[in-house]
Amino acid sequence: MDVLSPGHQLAAIVPAWNEADSIGPIVHGLRKAGACCVFVVDPGSSDSTREVAAAAGATVIDEPRRGYGQACLAGMEVAVGHELVAFLDGDGSCDPSELAAMVTAAEEHGADLVLGRREHVDPGALPLHARFGNRLVAKVLSFRTGQPLGDLPPFKLARGDALENLRLDEHI
């Protein structure tokens, strides 16, 4: 079911490094859920991530600088002008079919940001300091917004104009 209205543009940015096994279904799932454009940002995978992503219908963006934040920034540069921008890891930890529900939530609530949820976390995927920081920031945000939040998941949907107004760069 396509929840997007005519003319509604939704881009998805997928940071991926050596994710050949999971990237194809993610790209297909995002397209099926309504993304007009899927940008897979790759910092130089040594497997076939780039080829699998392109074969699945993604535009592959080269980003030689390593890091999740850098990949997101590179994706945002090519997603300028889209009404909504989704971010989703390329490792399969989130279900791309949830994108449609996130778009509906953004539209119904006029939200600038909608957070998805993590399906699973592989053992050792988040080191202790990352788990602690994630929980701490989630609790602070939950307290400040009055909304329950137990995780800062890798699946996010933001309004394009809100992202542009933040003027994010590598120094933030």
C-alpha atoms as a PDB file:
ATOM      1  CA  MET A   1       0.000   0.000   0.000  1.00  0.00           C
ATOM      2  CA  ASP A   2       1.396   3.364  -0.997  1.00  0.00           C
ATOM      3  CA  VAL A   3       0.730   5.908   1.767  1.00  0.00           C
ATOM      4  CA  LEU A   4       2.493   8.724  -0.046  1.00  0.00           C
ATOM      5  CA  SER A   5       0.411  11.372  -1.725  1.00  0.00           C
ATOM      6  CA  PRO A   6       1.092  12.328  -5.359  1.00  0.00           C
ATOM      7  CA  GLY A   7       4.185  14.492  -5.654  1.00  0.00           C
ATOM      8  CA  HIS A   8       5.367  13.380  -2.217  1.00  0.00           C
ATOM      9  CA  GLN A   9       9.079  12.608  -2.386  1.00  0.00           C
ATOM     10  CA  LEU A  10      10.711  10.198   0.005  1.00  0.00           C
ATOM     11  CA  ALA A  11      14.424   9.416  -0.153  1.00  0.00           C
ATOM     12  CA  ALA A  12      16.167   6.746   1.881  1.00  0.00           C
ATOM     13  CA  ILE A  13      19.815   6.931   2.905  1.00  0.00           C
ATOM     14  CA  VAL A  14      21.490   3.637   3.767  1.00  0.00           C
ATOM     15  CA  PRO A  15      25.039   3.709   5.153  1.00  0.00           C
ATOM     16  CA  ALA A  16      26.521   0.315   4.264  1.00  0.00           C
ATOM     17  CA  TRP A  17      29.948  -1.226   4.582  1.00  0.00           C
ATOM     18  CA  ASN A  18      30.424  -4.863   3.597  1.00  0.00           C
ATOM     19  CA  GLU A  19      26.681  -5.574   3.734  1.00  0.00           C
ATOM     20  CA  ALA A  20      26.326  -7.622   0.509  1.00  0.00           C
ATOM     21  CA  ASP A  21      24.180 -10.259   2.236  1.00  0.00           C
ATOM     22  CA  SER A  22      21.554  -7.818   3.516  1.00  0.00           C
ATOM     23  CA  ILE A  23      21.588  -4.762   1.232  1.00  0.00           C
ATOM     24  CA  GLY A  24      19.475  -6.158  -1.635  1.00  0.00           C
ATOM     25  CA  PRO A  25      16.392  -6.954   0.477  1.00  0.00           C
ATOM     26  CA  ILE A  26      16.745  -3.613   2.273  1.00  0.00           C
ATOM     27  CA  VAL A  27      16.751  -1.648  -0.993  1.00  0.00           C
ATOM     28  CA  HIS A  28      13.802  -3.671  -2.355  1.00  0.00           C
ATOM     29  CA  GLY A  29      11.905  -3.212   0.915  1.00  0.00           C
ATOM     30  CA  LEU A  30      12.443   0.551   0.981  1.00  0.00           C
ATOM     31  CA  ARG A  31      11.306   0.906  -2.641  1.00  0.00           C
ATOM     32  CA  LYS A  32       8.220  -1.232  -1.952  1.00  0.00           C
ATOM     33  CA  ALA A  33       7.439   0.905   1.121  1.00  0.00           C
ATOM     34  CA  GLY A  34       7.412   4.093  -0.961  1.00  0.00           C
ATOM     35  CA  ALA A  35      10.957   5.441  -1.281  1.00  0.00           C
ATOM     36  CA  CYS A  36      11.387   7.076  -4.679  1.00  0.00           C
ATOM     37  CA  CYS A  37      15.156   7.091  -4.242  1.00  0.00           C
ATOM     38  CA  VAL A  38      17.450   4.844  -2.227  1.00  0.00           C
ATOM     39  CA  PHE A  39      20.986   6.146  -1.746  1.00  0.00           C
ATOM     40  CA  VAL A  40      23.411   3.522  -0.460  1.00  0.00           C
ATOM     41  CA  VAL A  41      26.500   5.277   0.904  1.00  0.00           C
ATOM     42  CA  ASP A  42      29.571   3.076   0.766  1.00  0.00           C
ATOM     43  CA  PRO A  43      33.022   3.956   2.176  1.00  0.00           C
ATOM     44  CA  GLY A  44      34.787   1.284   0.120  1.00  0.00           C
ATOM     45  CA  SER A  45      33.308  -2.118   0.835  1.00  0.00           C
ATOM     46  CA  SER A  46      35.574  -5.055   0.040  1.00  0.00           C
ATOM     47  CA  ASP A  47      32.644  -7.333  -0.817  1.00  0.00           C
ATOM     48  CA  SER A  48      29.923  -6.917  -3.459  1.00  0.00           C
ATOM     49  CA  THR A  49      27.788  -4.443  -1.468  1.00  0.00           C
ATOM     50  CA  ARG A  50      28.002  -1.809  -4.214  1.00  0.00           C
ATOM     51  CA  GLU A  51      27.017  -4.183  -7.015  1.00  0.00           C
ATOM     52  CA  VAL A  52      24.168  -5.796  -5.068  1.00  0.00           C
ATOM     53  CA  ALA A  53      22.805  -2.377  -4.036  1.00  0.00           C
ATOM     54  CA  ALA A  54      22.907  -1.075  -7.616  1.00  0.00           C
ATOM     55  CA  ALA A  55      21.289  -4.251  -8.973  1.00  0.00           C
ATOM     56  CA  ALA A  56      18.476  -3.817  -6.423  1.00  0.00           C
ATOM     57  CA  GLY A  57      17.789  -0.284  -7.685  1.00  0.00           C
ATOM     58  CA  ALA A  58      19.840   1.914  -5.368  1.00  0.00           C
ATOM     59  CA  THR A  59      22.091   4.778  -6.335  1.00  0.00           C
ATOM     60  CA  VAL A  60      25.479   4.049  -4.781  1.00  0.00           C
ATOM     61  CA  ILE A  61      27.312   7.047  -3.327  1.00  0.00           C
ATOM     62  CA  ASP A  62      31.071   6.843  -2.773  1.00  0.00           C
ATOM     63  CA  GLU A  63      32.133   8.299   0.564  1.00  0.00           C
ATOM     64  CA  PRO A  64      35.826   7.706   1.218  1.00  0.00           C
ATOM     65  CA  ARG A  65      35.636   9.125   4.749  1.00  0.00           C
ATOM     66  CA  ARG A  66      34.688   6.405   7.204  1.00  0.00           C
ATOM     67  CA  GLY A  67      32.004   6.738   9.850  1.00  0.00           C
ATOM     68  CA  TYR A  68      28.248   6.505  10.167  1.00  0.00           C
ATOM     69  CA  GLY A  69      27.778  10.256  10.575  1.00  0.00           C
ATOM     70  CA  GLN A  70      29.896  10.994   7.532  1.00  0.00           C
ATOM     71  CA  ALA A  71      27.853   8.514   5.482  1.00  0.00           C
ATOM     72  CA  CYS A  72      24.614  10.162   6.610  1.00  0.00           C
ATOM     73  CA  LEU A  73      25.943  13.611   5.688  1.00  0.00           C
ATOM     74  CA  ALA A  74      27.018  12.372   2.244  1.00  0.00           C
ATOM     75  CA  GLY A  75      23.570  10.902   1.702  1.00  0.00           C
ATOM     76  CA  MET A  76      21.876  14.111   2.831  1.00  0.00           C
ATOM     77  CA  GLU A  77      23.823  16.061   0.206  1.00  0.00           C
ATOM     78  CA  VAL A  78      22.226  14.045  -2.597  1.00  0.00           C
ATOM     79  CA  ALA A  79      18.795  13.850  -0.958  1.00  0.00           C
ATOM     80  CA  VAL A  80      18.316  17.640  -0.846  1.00  0.00           C
ATOM     81  CA  GLY A  81      14.865  18.637  -2.039  1.00  0.00           C
ATOM     82  CA  HIS A  82      13.043  15.522  -0.866  1.00  0.00           C
ATOM     83  CA  GLU A  83      10.082  16.136   1.400  1.00  0.00           C
ATOM     84  CA  LEU A  84      11.003  13.224   3.673  1.00  0.00           C
ATOM     85  CA  VAL A  85      14.347  11.533   4.243  1.00  0.00           C
ATOM     86  CA  ALA A  86      14.709   8.129   5.891  1.00  0.00           C
ATOM     87  CA  PHE A  87      17.906   6.722   7.379  1.00  0.00           C
ATOM     88  CA  LEU A  88      18.343   2.968   7.748  1.00  0.00           C
ATOM     89  CA  ASP A  89      21.409   0.837   8.424  1.00  0.00           C
ATOM     90  CA  GLY A  90      22.424  -1.632   5.761  1.00  0.00           C
ATOM     91  CA  ASP A  91      22.937  -4.506   8.206  1.00  0.00           C
ATOM     92  CA  GLY A  92      19.342  -5.735   8.346  1.00  0.00           C
ATOM     93  CA  SER A  93      18.791  -4.724  11.974  1.00  0.00           C
ATOM     94  CA  CYS A  94      15.581  -2.876  11.021  1.00  0.00           C
ATOM     95  CA  ASP A  95      12.631  -3.858   8.854  1.00  0.00           C
ATOM     96  CA  PRO A  96      12.303  -1.561   5.819  1.00  0.00           C
ATOM     97  CA  SER A  97       8.588  -2.344   5.532  1.00  0.00           C
ATOM     98  CA  GLU A  98       8.052  -0.188   8.639  1.00  0.00           C
ATOM     99  CA  LEU A  99       8.818   2.874   6.518  1.00  0.00           C
ATOM    100  CA  ALA A 100       5.180   3.189   5.419  1.00  0.00           C
ATOM    101  CA  ALA A 101       4.000   3.326   9.040  1.00  0.00           C
ATOM    102  CA  MET A 102       6.662   5.915   9.851  1.00  0.00           C
ATOM    103  CA  VAL A 103       5.489   8.099   6.950  1.00  0.00           C
ATOM    104  CA  THR A 104       1.901   7.776   8.158  1.00  0.00           C
ATOM    105  CA  ALA A 105       2.961   8.751  11.693  1.00  0.00           C
ATOM    106  CA  ALA A 106       4.850  11.797  10.383  1.00  0.00           C
ATOM    107  CA  GLU A 107       1.851  12.910   8.328  1.00  0.00           C
ATOM    108  CA  GLU A 108      -0.773  12.272  11.013  1.00  0.00           C
ATOM    109  CA  HIS A 109       1.184  14.003  13.770  1.00  0.00           C
ATOM    110  CA  GLY A 110       2.996  16.662  11.748  1.00  0.00           C
ATOM    111  CA  ALA A 111       6.245  15.296  13.167  1.00  0.00           C
ATOM    112  CA  ASP A 112       9.647  16.521  12.028  1.00  0.00           C
ATOM    113  CA  LEU A 113      11.225  13.257  13.207  1.00  0.00           C
ATOM    114  CA  VAL A 114       9.905   9.719  13.578  1.00  0.00           C
ATOM    115  CA  LEU A 115      12.019   6.940  15.077  1.00  0.00           C
ATOM    116  CA  GLY A 116      11.651   3.331  14.026  1.00  0.00           C
ATOM    117  CA  ARG A 117      12.622   0.407  16.157  1.00  0.00           C
ATOM    118  CA  ARG A 118      15.467  -2.020  16.112  1.00  0.00           C
ATOM    119  CA  GLU A 119      14.453  -5.615  15.365  1.00  0.00           C
ATOM    120  CA  HIS A 120      17.596  -7.158  16.809  1.00  0.00           C
ATOM    121  CA  VAL A 121      21.114  -6.296  17.860  1.00  0.00           C
ATOM    122  CA  ASP A 122      23.802  -8.856  17.219  1.00  0.00           C
ATOM    123  CA  PRO A 123      25.862  -9.727  20.299  1.00  0.00           C
ATOM    124  CA  GLY A 124      28.838  -7.395  20.465  1.00  0.00           C
ATOM    125  CA  ALA A 125      27.409  -5.010  17.840  1.00  0.00           C
ATOM    126  CA  LEU A 126      27.084  -2.210  20.384  1.00  0.00           C
ATOM    127  CA  PRO A 127      30.033  -1.862  22.780  1.00  0.00           C
ATOM    128  CA  LEU A 128      29.309  -1.032  26.413  1.00  0.00           C
ATOM    129  CA  HIS A 129      29.920   2.718  26.000  1.00  0.00           C
ATOM    130  CA  ALA A 130      27.558   2.839  22.983  1.00  0.00           C
ATOM    131  CA  ARG A 131      24.801   0.960  24.867  1.00  0.00           C
ATOM    132  CA  PHE A 132      25.229   3.274  27.857  1.00  0.00           C
ATOM    133  CA  GLY A 133      25.219   6.429  25.706  1.00  0.00           C
ATOM    134  CA  ASN A 134      22.206   5.216  23.740  1.00  0.00           C
ATOM    135  CA  ARG A 135      20.205   4.567  26.913  1.00  0.00           C
ATOM    136  CA  LEU A 136      21.257   7.859  28.496  1.00  0.00           C
ATOM    137  CA  VAL A 137      20.295   9.972  25.486  1.00  0.00           C
ATOM    138  CA  ALA A 138      17.021   8.042  25.099  1.00  0.00           C
ATOM    139  CA  LYS A 139      16.118   8.736  28.727  1.00  0.00           C
ATOM    140  CA  VAL A 140      16.952  12.445  28.408  1.00  0.00           C
ATOM    141  CA  LEU A 141      14.890  12.747  25.214  1.00  0.00           C
ATOM    142  CA  SER A 142      12.037  10.810  26.778  1.00  0.00           C
ATOM    143  CA  PHE A 143      12.061  13.123  29.794  1.00  0.00           C
ATOM    144  CA  ARG A 144      12.199  16.281  27.639  1.00  0.00           C
ATOM    145  CA  THR A 145       9.491  15.206  25.188  1.00  0.00           C
ATOM    146  CA  GLY A 146       7.224  13.240  27.499  1.00  0.00           C
ATOM    147  CA  GLN A 147       7.271  10.416  24.940  1.00  0.00           C
ATOM    148  CA  PRO A 148       8.409   6.891  25.785  1.00  0.00           C
ATOM    149  CA  LEU A 149      11.752   6.137  24.174  1.00  0.00           C
ATOM    150  CA  GLY A 150      13.907   3.151  24.978  1.00  0.00           C
ATOM    151  CA  ASP A 151      16.370   3.239  22.108  1.00  0.00           C
ATOM    152  CA  LEU A 152      17.928   5.550  19.532  1.00  0.00           C
ATOM    153  CA  PRO A 153      17.421   3.257  16.576  1.00  0.00           C
ATOM    154  CA  PRO A 154      19.239   3.429  13.264  1.00  0.00           C
ATOM    155  CA  PHE A 155      15.874   3.744  11.437  1.00  0.00           C
ATOM    156  CA  LYS A 156      14.755   7.373  11.350  1.00  0.00           C
ATOM    157  CA  LEU A 157      12.495   9.509   9.182  1.00  0.00           C
ATOM    158  CA  ALA A 158      12.868  13.275   9.076  1.00  0.00           C
ATOM    159  CA  ARG A 159      11.281  16.095   7.147  1.00  0.00           C
ATOM    160  CA  GLY A 160      13.742  17.353   4.554  1.00  0.00           C
ATOM    161  CA  ASP A 161      13.259  20.991   5.498  1.00  0.00           C
ATOM    162  CA  ALA A 162      13.906  20.207   9.170  1.00  0.00           C
ATOM    163  CA  LEU A 163      17.181  18.493   8.238  1.00  0.00           C
ATOM    164  CA  GLU A 164      18.219  21.460   6.115  1.00  0.00           C
ATOM    165  CA  ASN A 165      17.412  23.875   8.960  1.00  0.00           C
ATOM    166  CA  LEU A 166      19.710  21.930  11.298  1.00  0.00           C
ATOM    167  CA  ARG A 167      22.678  22.686   9.021  1.00  0.00           C
ATOM    168  CA  LEU A 168      24.475  19.539  10.116  1.00  0.00           C
ATOM    169  CA  ASP A 169      28.138  19.151   9.260  1.00  0.00           C
ATOM    170  CA  GLU A 170      31.091  16.990  10.280  1.00  0.00           C
ATOM    171  CA  HIS A 171      31.803  19.275  13.256  1.00  0.00           C
ATOM    172  CA  ILE A 172      28.480  18.638  14.980  1.00  0.00           C
END
